[in-house]
Amino acid sequence: MLRLLLHSPGGCWVMQQQQGHLLTNALREAHDHVKSYNRSTVFA
């Protein structure tokens, strides 16, 4: 949902502000956690 919203005028504006790098970091961290979870074993 956030990736879709980033293509809107408001998303472009937010990315140009100081929060842009924080948003990018949050997306990267979420991607890394989901990827790590999906790769983990049932025991892990």
PDB file of all heavy atoms in Angstrom:
ATOM      1  N   MET A   1       0.827  -1.199   0.000  1.00  0.00           N
ATOM      2  CA  MET A   1       0.000   0.000   0.000  1.00  0.00           C
ATOM      3  C   MET A   1       0.868   1.259   0.000  1.00  0.00           C
ATOM      4  O   MET A   1       0.623   2.206  -0.755  1.00  0.00           O
ATOM      5  CB  MET A   1      -0.928   0.026   1.216  1.00  0.00           C
ATOM      6  CG  MET A   1      -1.847   1.238   1.235  1.00  0.00           C
ATOM      7  SD  MET A   1      -2.792   1.485   2.754  1.00  0.00           S
ATOM      8  CE  MET A   1      -3.347  -0.132   3.159  1.00  0.00           C
ATOM      9  N   LEU A   2       1.905   1.264   0.829  1.00  0.00           N
ATOM     10  CA  LEU A   2       2.790   2.426   0.899  1.00  0.00           C
ATOM     11  C   LEU A   2       3.506   2.647  -0.430  1.00  0.00           C
ATOM     12  O   LEU A   2       3.637   3.777  -0.893  1.00  0.00           O
ATOM     13  CB  LEU A   2       3.802   2.262   2.033  1.00  0.00           C
ATOM     14  CG  LEU A   2       4.783   3.420   2.230  1.00  0.00           C
ATOM     15  CD1 LEU A   2       4.045   4.733   2.466  1.00  0.00           C
ATOM     16  CD2 LEU A   2       5.723   3.130   3.383  1.00  0.00           C
ATOM     17  N   ARG A   3       3.947   1.586  -1.046  1.00  0.00           N
ATOM     18  CA  ARG A   3       4.630   1.734  -2.345  1.00  0.00           C
ATOM     19  C   ARG A   3       3.693   2.325  -3.394  1.00  0.00           C
ATOM     20  O   ARG A   3       4.116   3.108  -4.240  1.00  0.00           O
ATOM     21  CB  ARG A   3       5.201   0.406  -2.802  1.00  0.00           C
ATOM     22  CG  ARG A   3       6.394   0.037  -1.957  1.00  0.00           C
ATOM     23  CD  ARG A   3       7.084  -1.185  -2.419  1.00  0.00           C
ATOM     24  NE  ARG A   3       8.137  -1.478  -1.438  1.00  0.00           N
ATOM     25  CZ  ARG A   3       9.135  -2.263  -1.667  1.00  0.00           C
ATOM     26  NH1 ARG A   3       9.271  -2.840  -2.821  1.00  0.00           N
ATOM     27  NH2 ARG A   3      10.037  -2.472  -0.727  1.00  0.00           N
ATOM     28  N   LEU A   4       2.424   1.960  -3.359  1.00  0.00           N
ATOM     29  CA  LEU A   4       1.451   2.559  -4.278  1.00  0.00           C
ATOM     30  C   LEU A   4       1.236   4.041  -3.945  1.00  0.00           C
ATOM     31  O   LEU A   4       1.169   4.880  -4.846  1.00  0.00           O
ATOM     32  CB  LEU A   4       0.119   1.814  -4.211  1.00  0.00           C
ATOM     33  CG  LEU A   4       0.090   0.429  -4.849  1.00  0.00           C
ATOM     34  CD1 LEU A   4      -1.234  -0.269  -4.546  1.00  0.00           C
ATOM     35  CD2 LEU A   4       0.319   0.518  -6.342  1.00  0.00           C
ATOM     36  N   LEU A   5       1.132   4.342  -2.649  1.00  0.00           N
ATOM     37  CA  LEU A   5       0.916   5.733  -2.241  1.00  0.00           C
ATOM     38  C   LEU A   5       2.110   6.628  -2.586  1.00  0.00           C
ATOM     39  O   LEU A   5       1.943   7.828  -2.790  1.00  0.00           O
ATOM     40  CB  LEU A   5       0.631   5.807  -0.733  1.00  0.00           C
ATOM     41  CG  LEU A   5      -0.746   5.347  -0.294  1.00  0.00           C
ATOM     42  CD1 LEU A   5      -0.817   5.253   1.226  1.00  0.00           C
ATOM     43  CD2 LEU A   5      -1.819   6.288  -0.820  1.00  0.00           C
ATOM     44  N   LEU A   6       3.293   6.054  -2.654  1.00  0.00           N
ATOM     45  CA  LEU A   6       4.476   6.857  -2.976  1.00  0.00           C
ATOM     46  C   LEU A   6       4.411   7.443  -4.390  1.00  0.00           C
ATOM     47  O   LEU A   6       5.087   8.414  -4.687  1.00  0.00           O
ATOM     48  CB  LEU A   6       5.751   6.031  -2.805  1.00  0.00           C
ATOM     49  CG  LEU A   6       6.164   5.783  -1.364  1.00  0.00           C
ATOM     50  CD1 LEU A   6       7.361   4.842  -1.309  1.00  0.00           C
ATOM     51  CD2 LEU A   6       6.464   7.081  -0.641  1.00  0.00           C
ATOM     52  N   HIS A   7       3.584   6.869  -5.246  1.00  0.00           N
ATOM     53  CA  HIS A   7       3.444   7.373  -6.613  1.00  0.00           C
ATOM     54  C   HIS A   7       2.445   8.530  -6.696  1.00  0.00           C
ATOM     55  O   HIS A   7       2.291   9.130  -7.752  1.00  0.00           O
ATOM     56  CB  HIS A   7       3.019   6.246  -7.563  1.00  0.00           C
ATOM     57  CG  HIS A   7       4.064   5.185  -7.696  1.00  0.00           C
ATOM     58  ND1 HIS A   7       5.248   5.390  -8.370  1.00  0.00           N
ATOM     59  CD2 HIS A   7       4.113   3.920  -7.219  1.00  0.00           C
ATOM     60  CE1 HIS A   7       5.979   4.292  -8.312  1.00  0.00           C
ATOM     61  NE2 HIS A   7       5.313   3.384  -7.617  1.00  0.00           N
ATOM     62  N   SER A   8       1.777   8.832  -5.598  1.00  0.00           N
ATOM     63  CA  SER A   8       0.806   9.926  -5.576  1.00  0.00           C
ATOM     64  C   SER A   8       1.537  11.253  -5.334  1.00  0.00           C
ATOM     65  O   SER A   8       2.706  11.261  -4.941  1.00  0.00           O
ATOM     66  CB  SER A   8      -0.217   9.686  -4.463  1.00  0.00           C
ATOM     67  OG  SER A   8       0.409   9.823  -3.196  1.00  0.00           O
ATOM     68  N   PRO A   9       0.865  12.385  -5.567  1.00  0.00           N
ATOM     69  CA  PRO A   9       1.507  13.682  -5.301  1.00  0.00           C
ATOM     70  C   PRO A   9       1.985  13.814  -3.851  1.00  0.00           C
ATOM     71  O   PRO A   9       3.071  14.334  -3.591  1.00  0.00           O
ATOM     72  CB  PRO A   9       0.412  14.697  -5.623  1.00  0.00           C
ATOM     73  CG  PRO A   9      -0.499  13.994  -6.569  1.00  0.00           C
ATOM     74  CD  PRO A   9      -0.452  12.551  -6.173  1.00  0.00           C
ATOM     75  N   GLY A  10       1.178  13.322  -2.921  1.00  0.00           N
ATOM     76  CA  GLY A  10       1.574  13.387  -1.509  1.00  0.00           C
ATOM     77  C   GLY A  10       2.797  12.543  -1.220  1.00  0.00           C
ATOM     78  O   GLY A  10       3.668  12.923  -0.435  1.00  0.00           O
ATOM     79  N   GLY A  11       2.893  11.401  -1.877  1.00  0.00           N
ATOM     80  CA  GLY A  11       4.062  10.530  -1.695  1.00  0.00           C
ATOM     81  C   GLY A  11       5.318  11.186  -2.218  1.00  0.00           C
ATOM     82  O   GLY A  11       6.381  11.127  -1.584  1.00  0.00           O
ATOM     83  N   CYS A  12       5.193  11.818  -3.374  1.00  0.00           N
ATOM     84  CA  CYS A  12       6.354  12.539  -3.930  1.00  0.00           C
ATOM     85  C   CYS A  12       6.785  13.665  -3.000  1.00  0.00           C
ATOM     86  O   CYS A  12       7.975  13.871  -2.773  1.00  0.00           O
ATOM     87  CB  CYS A  12       6.012  13.093  -5.312  1.00  0.00           C
ATOM     88  SG  CYS A  12       5.737  11.813  -6.542  1.00  0.00           S
ATOM     89  N   TRP A  13       5.800  14.382  -2.446  1.00  0.00           N
ATOM     90  CA  TRP A  13       6.123  15.493  -1.541  1.00  0.00           C
ATOM     91  C   TRP A  13       6.838  14.984  -0.286  1.00  0.00           C
ATOM     92  O   TRP A  13       7.838  15.552   0.139  1.00  0.00           O
ATOM     93  CB  TRP A  13       4.841  16.241  -1.149  1.00  0.00           C
ATOM     94  CG  TRP A  13       5.115  17.425  -0.284  1.00  0.00           C
ATOM     95  CD1 TRP A  13       5.495  18.669  -0.665  1.00  0.00           C
ATOM     96  CD2 TRP A  13       5.054  17.442   1.153  1.00  0.00           C
ATOM     97  NE1 TRP A  13       5.671  19.464   0.432  1.00  0.00           N
ATOM     98  CE2 TRP A  13       5.408  18.741   1.557  1.00  0.00           C
ATOM     99  CE3 TRP A  13       4.740  16.497   2.111  1.00  0.00           C
ATOM    100  CZ2 TRP A  13       5.446  19.112   2.898  1.00  0.00           C
ATOM    101  CZ3 TRP A  13       4.778  16.865   3.442  1.00  0.00           C
ATOM    102  CH2 TRP A  13       5.131  18.162   3.831  1.00  0.00           C
ATOM    103  N   VAL A  14       6.315  13.898   0.302  1.00  0.00           N
ATOM    104  CA  VAL A  14       6.926  13.348   1.521  1.00  0.00           C
ATOM    105  C   VAL A  14       8.357  12.900   1.239  1.00  0.00           C
ATOM    106  O   VAL A  14       9.257  13.128   2.051  1.00  0.00           O
ATOM    107  CB  VAL A  14       6.071  12.193   2.094  1.00  0.00           C
ATOM    108  CG1 VAL A  14       6.828  11.423   3.162  1.00  0.00           C
ATOM    109  CG2 VAL A  14       4.768  12.723   2.655  1.00  0.00           C
ATOM    110  N   MET A  15       8.588  12.284   0.107  1.00  0.00           N
ATOM    111  CA  MET A  15       9.940  11.807  -0.222  1.00  0.00           C
ATOM    112  C   MET A  15      10.925  12.963  -0.397  1.00  0.00           C
ATOM    113  O   MET A  15      12.124  12.802  -0.196  1.00  0.00           O
ATOM    114  CB  MET A  15       9.922  10.944  -1.482  1.00  0.00           C
ATOM    115  CG  MET A  15       9.297   9.578  -1.267  1.00  0.00           C
ATOM    116  SD  MET A  15      10.068   8.602   0.036  1.00  0.00           S
ATOM    117  CE  MET A  15      11.651   8.248  -0.693  1.00  0.00           C
ATOM    118  N   GLN A  16      10.436  14.149  -0.770  1.00  0.00           N
ATOM    119  CA  GLN A  16      11.307  15.309  -0.948  1.00  0.00           C
ATOM    120  C   GLN A  16      11.619  16.000   0.372  1.00  0.00           C
ATOM    121  O   GLN A  16      12.531  16.815   0.438  1.00  0.00           O
ATOM    122  CB  GLN A  16      10.671  16.310  -1.915  1.00  0.00           C
ATOM    123  CG  GLN A  16      10.576  15.779  -3.323  1.00  0.00           C
ATOM    124  CD  GLN A  16       9.755  16.674  -4.224  1.00  0.00           C
ATOM    125  OE1 GLN A  16       9.203  17.682  -3.779  1.00  0.00           O
ATOM    126  NE2 GLN A  16       9.662  16.305  -5.487  1.00  0.00           N
ATOM    127  N   GLN A  17      10.865  15.685   1.411  1.00  0.00           N
ATOM    128  CA  GLN A  17      11.073  16.298   2.711  1.00  0.00           C
ATOM    129  C   GLN A  17      12.137  15.525   3.494  1.00  0.00           C
ATOM    130  O   GLN A  17      12.651  14.517   3.048  1.00  0.00           O
ATOM    131  CB  GLN A  17       9.748  16.333   3.503  1.00  0.00           C
ATOM    132  CG  GLN A  17       8.622  17.028   2.778  1.00  0.00           C
ATOM    133  CD  GLN A  17       8.984  18.421   2.317  1.00  0.00           C
ATOM    134  OE1 GLN A  17       9.478  19.234   3.080  1.00  0.00           O
ATOM    135  NE2 GLN A  17       8.757  18.695   1.033  1.00  0.00           N
ATOM    136  N   GLN A  18      12.416  16.015   4.677  1.00  0.00           N
ATOM    137  CA  GLN A  18      13.437  15.367   5.515  1.00  0.00           C
ATOM    138  C   GLN A  18      13.039  13.955   5.925  1.00  0.00           C
ATOM    139  O   GLN A  18      13.896  13.133   6.213  1.00  0.00           O
ATOM    140  CB  GLN A  18      13.694  16.208   6.761  1.00  0.00           C
ATOM    141  CG  GLN A  18      14.387  17.514   6.453  1.00  0.00           C
ATOM    142  CD  GLN A  18      14.599  18.348   7.694  1.00  0.00           C
ATOM    143  OE1 GLN A  18      14.049  18.056   8.752  1.00  0.00           O
ATOM    144  NE2 GLN A  18      15.389  19.394   7.570  1.00  0.00           N
ATOM    145  N   GLN A  19      11.732  13.666   5.945  1.00  0.00           N
ATOM    146  CA  GLN A  19      11.271  12.331   6.346  1.00  0.00           C
ATOM    147  C   GLN A  19      11.519  11.294   5.258  1.00  0.00           C
ATOM    148  O   GLN A  19      11.345  10.114   5.486  1.00  0.00           O
ATOM    149  CB  GLN A  19       9.769  12.330   6.659  1.00  0.00           C
ATOM    150  CG  GLN A  19       9.352  13.226   7.780  1.00  0.00           C
ATOM    151  CD  GLN A  19       8.880  14.580   7.248  1.00  0.00           C
ATOM    152  OE1 GLN A  19       9.289  15.044   6.199  1.00  0.00           O
ATOM    153  NE2 GLN A  19       8.029  15.226   8.006  1.00  0.00           N
ATOM    154  N   GLY A  20      11.898  11.718   4.071  1.00  0.00           N
ATOM    155  CA  GLY A  20      12.071  10.801   2.954  1.00  0.00           C
ATOM    156  C   GLY A  20      13.035   9.672   3.251  1.00  0.00           C
ATOM    157  O   GLY A  20      12.759   8.509   2.967  1.00  0.00           O
ATOM    158  N   HIS A  21      14.173  10.003   3.858  1.00  0.00           N
ATOM    159  CA  HIS A  21      15.143   8.939   4.157  1.00  0.00           C
ATOM    160  C   HIS A  21      14.635   8.020   5.272  1.00  0.00           C
ATOM    161  O   HIS A  21      14.931   6.826   5.286  1.00  0.00           O
ATOM    162  CB  HIS A  21      16.516   9.532   4.500  1.00  0.00           C
ATOM    163  CG  HIS A  21      16.602  10.120   5.864  1.00  0.00           C
ATOM    164  ND1 HIS A  21      16.106  11.362   6.167  1.00  0.00           N
ATOM    165  CD2 HIS A  21      17.120   9.617   7.019  1.00  0.00           C
ATOM    166  CE1 HIS A  21      16.315  11.616   7.452  1.00  0.00           C
ATOM    167  NE2 HIS A  21      16.931  10.579   7.987  1.00  0.00           N
ATOM    168  N   LEU A  22      13.842   8.559   6.196  1.00  0.00           N
ATOM    169  CA  LEU A  22      13.271   7.716   7.253  1.00  0.00           C
ATOM    170  C   LEU A  22      12.265   6.726   6.663  1.00  0.00           C
ATOM    171  O   LEU A  22      12.222   5.556   7.043  1.00  0.00           O
ATOM    172  CB  LEU A  22      12.590   8.578   8.321  1.00  0.00           C
ATOM    173  CG  LEU A  22      13.495   9.516   9.106  1.00  0.00           C
ATOM    174  CD1 LEU A  22      12.672  10.417  10.013  1.00  0.00           C
ATOM    175  CD2 LEU A  22      14.517   8.735   9.902  1.00  0.00           C
ATOM    176  N   LEU A  23      11.471   7.212   5.710  1.00  0.00           N
ATOM    177  CA  LEU A  23      10.507   6.350   5.040  1.00  0.00           C
ATOM    178  C   LEU A  23      11.225   5.261   4.259  1.00  0.00           C
ATOM    179  O   LEU A  23      10.849   4.092   4.311  1.00  0.00           O
ATOM    180  CB  LEU A  23       9.629   7.199   4.116  1.00  0.00           C
ATOM    181  CG  LEU A  23       8.400   6.534   3.552  1.00  0.00           C
ATOM    182  CD1 LEU A  23       7.326   7.572   3.330  1.00  0.00           C
ATOM    183  CD2 LEU A  23       8.696   5.833   2.265  1.00  0.00           C
ATOM    184  N   THR A  24      12.283   5.636   3.553  1.00  0.00           N
ATOM    185  CA  THR A  24      13.067   4.657   2.797  1.00  0.00           C
ATOM    186  C   THR A  24      13.665   3.609   3.733  1.00  0.00           C
ATOM    187  O   THR A  24      13.637   2.417   3.434  1.00  0.00           O
ATOM    188  CB  THR A  24      14.187   5.363   2.002  1.00  0.00           C
ATOM    189  OG1 THR A  24      13.592   6.352   1.158  1.00  0.00           O
ATOM    190  CG2 THR A  24      14.968   4.394   1.160  1.00  0.00           C
ATOM    191  N   ASN A  25      14.182   4.055   4.872  1.00  0.00           N
ATOM    192  CA  ASN A  25      14.747   3.115   5.852  1.00  0.00           C
ATOM    193  C   ASN A  25      13.677   2.174   6.394  1.00  0.00           C
ATOM    194  O   ASN A  25      13.931   0.976   6.580  1.00  0.00           O
ATOM    195  CB  ASN A  25      15.404   3.874   7.005  1.00  0.00           C
ATOM    196  CG  ASN A  25      16.678   4.560   6.594  1.00  0.00           C
ATOM    197  OD1 ASN A  25      17.246   4.274   5.533  1.00  0.00           O
ATOM    198  ND2 ASN A  25      17.133   5.502   7.403  1.00  0.00           N
ATOM    199  N   ALA A  26      12.468   2.696   6.655  1.00  0.00           N
ATOM    200  CA  ALA A  26      11.386   1.852   7.176  1.00  0.00           C
ATOM    201  C   ALA A  26      10.987   0.805   6.136  1.00  0.00           C
ATOM    202  O   ALA A  26      10.765  -0.363   6.477  1.00  0.00           O
ATOM    203  CB  ALA A  26      10.183   2.715   7.556  1.00  0.00           C
ATOM    204  N   LEU A  27      10.910   1.215   4.868  1.00  0.00           N
ATOM    205  CA  LEU A  27      10.580   0.255   3.810  1.00  0.00           C
ATOM    206  C   LEU A  27      11.660  -0.820   3.672  1.00  0.00           C
ATOM    207  O   LEU A  27      11.355  -2.001   3.531  1.00  0.00           O
ATOM    208  CB  LEU A  27      10.421   0.977   2.467  1.00  0.00           C
ATOM    209  CG  LEU A  27       9.065   1.585   2.178  1.00  0.00           C
ATOM    210  CD1 LEU A  27       9.102   2.403   0.899  1.00  0.00           C
ATOM    211  CD2 LEU A  27       8.005   0.518   2.092  1.00  0.00           C
ATOM    212  N   ARG A  28      12.907  -0.395   3.731  1.00  0.00           N
ATOM    213  CA  ARG A  28      14.018  -1.348   3.617  1.00  0.00           C
ATOM    214  C   ARG A  28      14.006  -2.334   4.789  1.00  0.00           C
ATOM    215  O   ARG A  28      14.177  -3.538   4.601  1.00  0.00           O
ATOM    216  CB  ARG A  28      15.352  -0.599   3.561  1.00  0.00           C
ATOM    217  CG  ARG A  28      16.537  -1.514   3.280  1.00  0.00           C
ATOM    218  CD  ARG A  28      17.851  -0.750   3.159  1.00  0.00           C
ATOM    219  NE  ARG A  28      17.793   0.216   2.075  1.00  0.00           N
ATOM    220  CZ  ARG A  28      17.889   1.556   2.240  1.00  0.00           C
ATOM    221  NH1 ARG A  28      18.064   2.058   3.428  1.00  0.00           N
ATOM    222  NH2 ARG A  28      17.828   2.364   1.207  1.00  0.00           N
ATOM    223  N   GLU A  29      13.796  -1.808   5.992  1.00  0.00           N
ATOM    224  CA  GLU A  29      13.778  -2.669   7.177  1.00  0.00           C
ATOM    225  C   GLU A  29      12.607  -3.656   7.108  1.00  0.00           C
ATOM    226  O   GLU A  29      12.765  -4.837   7.422  1.00  0.00           O
ATOM    227  CB  GLU A  29      13.672  -1.812   8.433  1.00  0.00           C
ATOM    228  CG  GLU A  29      13.800  -2.602   9.713  1.00  0.00           C
ATOM    229  CD  GLU A  29      13.767  -1.729  10.948  1.00  0.00           C
ATOM    230  OE1 GLU A  29      13.731  -0.487  10.828  1.00  0.00           O
ATOM    231  OE2 GLU A  29      13.759  -2.303  12.041  1.00  0.00           O
ATOM    232  N   ALA A  30      11.444  -3.179   6.675  1.00  0.00           N
ATOM    233  CA  ALA A  30      10.283  -4.065   6.549  1.00  0.00           C
ATOM    234  C   ALA A  30      10.567  -5.152   5.515  1.00  0.00           C
ATOM    235  O   ALA A  30      10.275  -6.330   5.749  1.00  0.00           O
ATOM    236  CB  ALA A  30       9.049  -3.260   6.155  1.00  0.00           C
ATOM    237  N   HIS A  31      11.141  -4.761   4.392  1.00  0.00           N
ATOM    238  CA  HIS A  31      11.479  -5.736   3.347  1.00  0.00           C
ATOM    239  C   HIS A  31      12.459  -6.778   3.883  1.00  0.00           C
ATOM    240  O   HIS A  31      12.285  -7.981   3.661  1.00  0.00           O
ATOM    241  CB  HIS A  31      12.068  -5.018   2.136  1.00  0.00           C
ATOM    242  CG  HIS A  31      12.573  -5.949   1.077  1.00  0.00           C
ATOM    243  ND1 HIS A  31      11.729  -6.636   0.240  1.00  0.00           N
ATOM    244  CD2 HIS A  31      13.834  -6.322   0.742  1.00  0.00           C
ATOM    245  CE1 HIS A  31      12.446  -7.387  -0.575  1.00  0.00           C
ATOM    246  NE2 HIS A  31      13.733  -7.214  -0.293  1.00  0.00           N
ATOM    247  N   ASP A  32      13.475  -6.320   4.607  1.00  0.00           N
ATOM    248  CA  ASP A  32      14.478  -7.242   5.150  1.00  0.00           C
ATOM    249  C   ASP A  32      13.865  -8.218   6.155  1.00  0.00           C
ATOM    250  O   ASP A  32      14.189  -9.408   6.153  1.00  0.00           O
ATOM    251  CB  ASP A  32      15.621  -6.466   5.802  1.00  0.00           C
ATOM    252  CG  ASP A  32      16.486  -5.731   4.794  1.00  0.00           C
ATOM    253  OD1 ASP A  32      16.370  -6.018   3.578  1.00  0.00           O
ATOM    254  OD2 ASP A  32      17.254  -4.837   5.214  1.00  0.00           O
ATOM    255  N   HIS A  33      12.974  -7.713   7.025  1.00  0.00           N
ATOM    256  CA  HIS A  33      12.349  -8.591   8.022  1.00  0.00           C
ATOM    257  C   HIS A  33      11.434  -9.627   7.364  1.00  0.00           C
ATOM    258  O   HIS A  33      11.443 -10.799   7.748  1.00  0.00           O
ATOM    259  CB  HIS A  33      11.563  -7.786   9.053  1.00  0.00           C
ATOM    260  CG  HIS A  33      12.393  -7.298  10.180  1.00  0.00           C
ATOM    261  ND1 HIS A  33      13.006  -8.135  11.078  1.00  0.00           N
ATOM    262  CD2 HIS A  33      12.725  -6.048  10.575  1.00  0.00           C
ATOM    263  CE1 HIS A  33      13.678  -7.433  11.956  1.00  0.00           C
ATOM    264  NE2 HIS A  33      13.523  -6.158  11.673  1.00  0.00           N
ATOM    265  N   VAL A  34      10.648  -9.191   6.380  1.00  0.00           N
ATOM    266  CA  VAL A  34       9.751 -10.130   5.700  1.00  0.00           C
ATOM    267  C   VAL A  34      10.572 -11.179   4.954  1.00  0.00           C
ATOM    268  O   VAL A  34      10.275 -12.377   5.006  1.00  0.00           O
ATOM    269  CB  VAL A  34       8.790  -9.378   4.747  1.00  0.00           C
ATOM    270  CG1 VAL A  34       8.071 -10.344   3.820  1.00  0.00           C
ATOM    271  CG2 VAL A  34       7.798  -8.561   5.547  1.00  0.00           C
ATOM    272  N   LYS A  35      11.628 -10.722   4.280  1.00  0.00           N
ATOM    273  CA  LYS A  35      12.488 -11.651   3.545  1.00  0.00           C
ATOM    274  C   LYS A  35      13.148 -12.648   4.502  1.00  0.00           C
ATOM    275  O   LYS A  35      13.176 -13.854   4.237  1.00  0.00           O
ATOM    276  CB  LYS A  35      13.545 -10.846   2.794  1.00  0.00           C
ATOM    277  CG  LYS A  35      14.287 -11.598   1.730  1.00  0.00           C
ATOM    278  CD  LYS A  35      15.006 -10.607   0.844  1.00  0.00           C
ATOM    279  CE  LYS A  35      16.456 -10.947   0.714  1.00  0.00           C
ATOM    280  NZ  LYS A  35      17.183  -9.986  -0.108  1.00  0.00           N
ATOM    281  N   SER A  36      13.636 -12.155   5.618  1.00  0.00           N
ATOM    282  CA  SER A  36      14.263 -13.013   6.618  1.00  0.00           C
ATOM    283  C   SER A  36      13.255 -14.011   7.184  1.00  0.00           C
ATOM    284  O   SER A  36      13.565 -15.197   7.356  1.00  0.00           O
ATOM    285  CB  SER A  36      14.838 -12.150   7.739  1.00  0.00           C
ATOM    286  OG  SER A  36      15.229 -12.924   8.826  1.00  0.00           O
ATOM    287  N   TYR A  37      12.050 -13.539   7.454  1.00  0.00           N
ATOM    288  CA  TYR A  37      11.014 -14.422   7.997  1.00  0.00           C
ATOM    289  C   TYR A  37      10.662 -15.512   6.985  1.00  0.00           C
ATOM    290  O   TYR A  37      10.561 -16.685   7.341  1.00  0.00           O
ATOM    291  CB  TYR A  37       9.768 -13.615   8.367  1.00  0.00           C
ATOM    292  CG  TYR A  37       8.651 -14.488   8.877  1.00  0.00           C
ATOM    293  CD1 TYR A  37       8.665 -14.950  10.186  1.00  0.00           C
ATOM    294  CD2 TYR A  37       7.609 -14.873   8.052  1.00  0.00           C
ATOM    295  CE1 TYR A  37       7.664 -15.774  10.656  1.00  0.00           C
ATOM    296  CE2 TYR A  37       6.600 -15.696   8.518  1.00  0.00           C
ATOM    297  CZ  TYR A  37       6.628 -16.134   9.826  1.00  0.00           C
ATOM    298  OH  TYR A  37       5.642 -16.953  10.271  1.00  0.00           O
ATOM    299  N   ASN A  38      10.482 -15.127   5.741  1.00  0.00           N
ATOM    300  CA  ASN A  38      10.104 -16.101   4.709  1.00  0.00           C
ATOM    301  C   ASN A  38      11.201 -17.126   4.450  1.00  0.00           C
ATOM    302  O   ASN A  38      10.915 -18.253   4.059  1.00  0.00           O
ATOM    303  CB  ASN A  38       9.708 -15.391   3.411  1.00  0.00           C
ATOM    304  CG  ASN A  38       8.370 -14.704   3.534  1.00  0.00           C
ATOM    305  OD1 ASN A  38       7.523 -15.107   4.312  1.00  0.00           O
ATOM    306  ND2 ASN A  38       8.181 -13.653   2.767  1.00  0.00           N
ATOM    307  N   ARG A  39      12.447 -16.752   4.665  1.00  0.00           N
ATOM    308  CA  ARG A  39      13.563 -17.681   4.461  1.00  0.00           C
ATOM    309  C   ARG A  39      13.840 -18.550   5.686  1.00  0.00           C
ATOM    310  O   ARG A  39      14.573 -19.527   5.579  1.00  0.00           O
ATOM    311  CB  ARG A  39      14.831 -16.913   4.113  1.00  0.00           C
ATOM    312  CG  ARG A  39      14.822 -16.330   2.729  1.00  0.00           C
ATOM    313  CD  ARG A  39      16.132 -15.668   2.442  1.00  0.00           C
ATOM    314  NE  ARG A  39      16.180 -15.165   1.084  1.00  0.00           N
ATOM    315  CZ  ARG A  39      17.149 -14.430   0.603  1.00  0.00           C
ATOM    316  NH1 ARG A  39      18.163 -14.098   1.371  1.00  0.00           N
ATOM    317  NH2 ARG A  39      17.120 -14.015  -0.632  1.00  0.00           N
ATOM    318  N   SER A  40      13.294 -18.191   6.830  1.00  0.00           N
ATOM    319  CA  SER A  40      13.610 -18.908   8.059  1.00  0.00           C
ATOM    320  C   SER A  40      12.927 -20.273   8.084  1.00  0.00           C
ATOM    321  O   SER A  40      11.923 -20.514   7.416  1.00  0.00           O
ATOM    322  CB  SER A  40      13.185 -18.089   9.285  1.00  0.00           C
ATOM    323  OG  SER A  40      11.782 -17.954   9.327  1.00  0.00           O
ATOM    324  N   THR A  41      13.487 -21.142   8.897  1.00  0.00           N
ATOM    325  CA  THR A  41      12.916 -22.481   9.063  1.00  0.00           C
ATOM    326  C   THR A  41      11.780 -22.428  10.080  1.00  0.00           C
ATOM    327  O   THR A  41      11.646 -21.451  10.820  1.00  0.00           O
ATOM    328  CB  THR A  41      13.991 -23.462   9.574  1.00  0.00           C
ATOM    329  OG1 THR A  41      14.421 -23.026  10.869  1.00  0.00           O
ATOM    330  CG2 THR A  41      15.169 -23.529   8.622  1.00  0.00           C
ATOM    331  N   VAL A  42      10.985 -23.471  10.117  1.00  0.00           N
ATOM    332  CA  VAL A  42       9.890 -23.538  11.081  1.00  0.00           C
ATOM    333  C   VAL A  42      10.443 -23.476  12.496  1.00  0.00           C
ATOM    334  O   VAL A  42       9.898 -22.780  13.357  1.00  0.00           O
ATOM    335  CB  VAL A  42       9.054 -24.828  10.869  1.00  0.00           C
ATOM    336  CG1 VAL A  42       8.026 -24.994  11.965  1.00  0.00           C
ATOM    337  CG2 VAL A  42       8.396 -24.798   9.504  1.00  0.00           C
ATOM    338  N   PHE A  43      11.543 -24.172  12.731  1.00  0.00           N
ATOM    339  CA  PHE A  43      12.150 -24.159  14.071  1.00  0.00           C
ATOM    340  C   PHE A  43      12.574 -22.744  14.456  1.00  0.00           C
ATOM    341  O   PHE A  43      12.330 -22.298  15.573  1.00  0.00           O
ATOM    342  CB  PHE A  43      13.354 -25.105  14.120  1.00  0.00           C
ATOM    343  CG  PHE A  43      14.010 -25.126  15.469  1.00  0.00           C
ATOM    344  CD1 PHE A  43      13.411 -25.778  16.541  1.00  0.00           C
ATOM    345  CD2 PHE A  43      15.215 -24.477  15.676  1.00  0.00           C
ATOM    346  CE1 PHE A  43      14.005 -25.790  17.785  1.00  0.00           C
ATOM    347  CE2 PHE A  43      15.820 -24.487  16.922  1.00  0.00           C
ATOM    348  CZ  PHE A  43      15.207 -25.143  17.975  1.00  0.00           C
ATOM    349  N   ALA A  44      13.187 -22.022  13.529  1.00  0.00           N
ATOM    350  CA  ALA A  44      13.620 -20.642  13.820  1.00  0.00           C
ATOM    351  C   ALA A  44      12.418 -19.743  14.086  1.00  0.00           C
ATOM    352  O   ALA A  44      12.473 -18.864  14.952  1.00  0.00           O
ATOM    353  CB  ALA A  44      14.437 -20.093  12.659  1.00  0.00           C
TER     354      ALA A  44
END
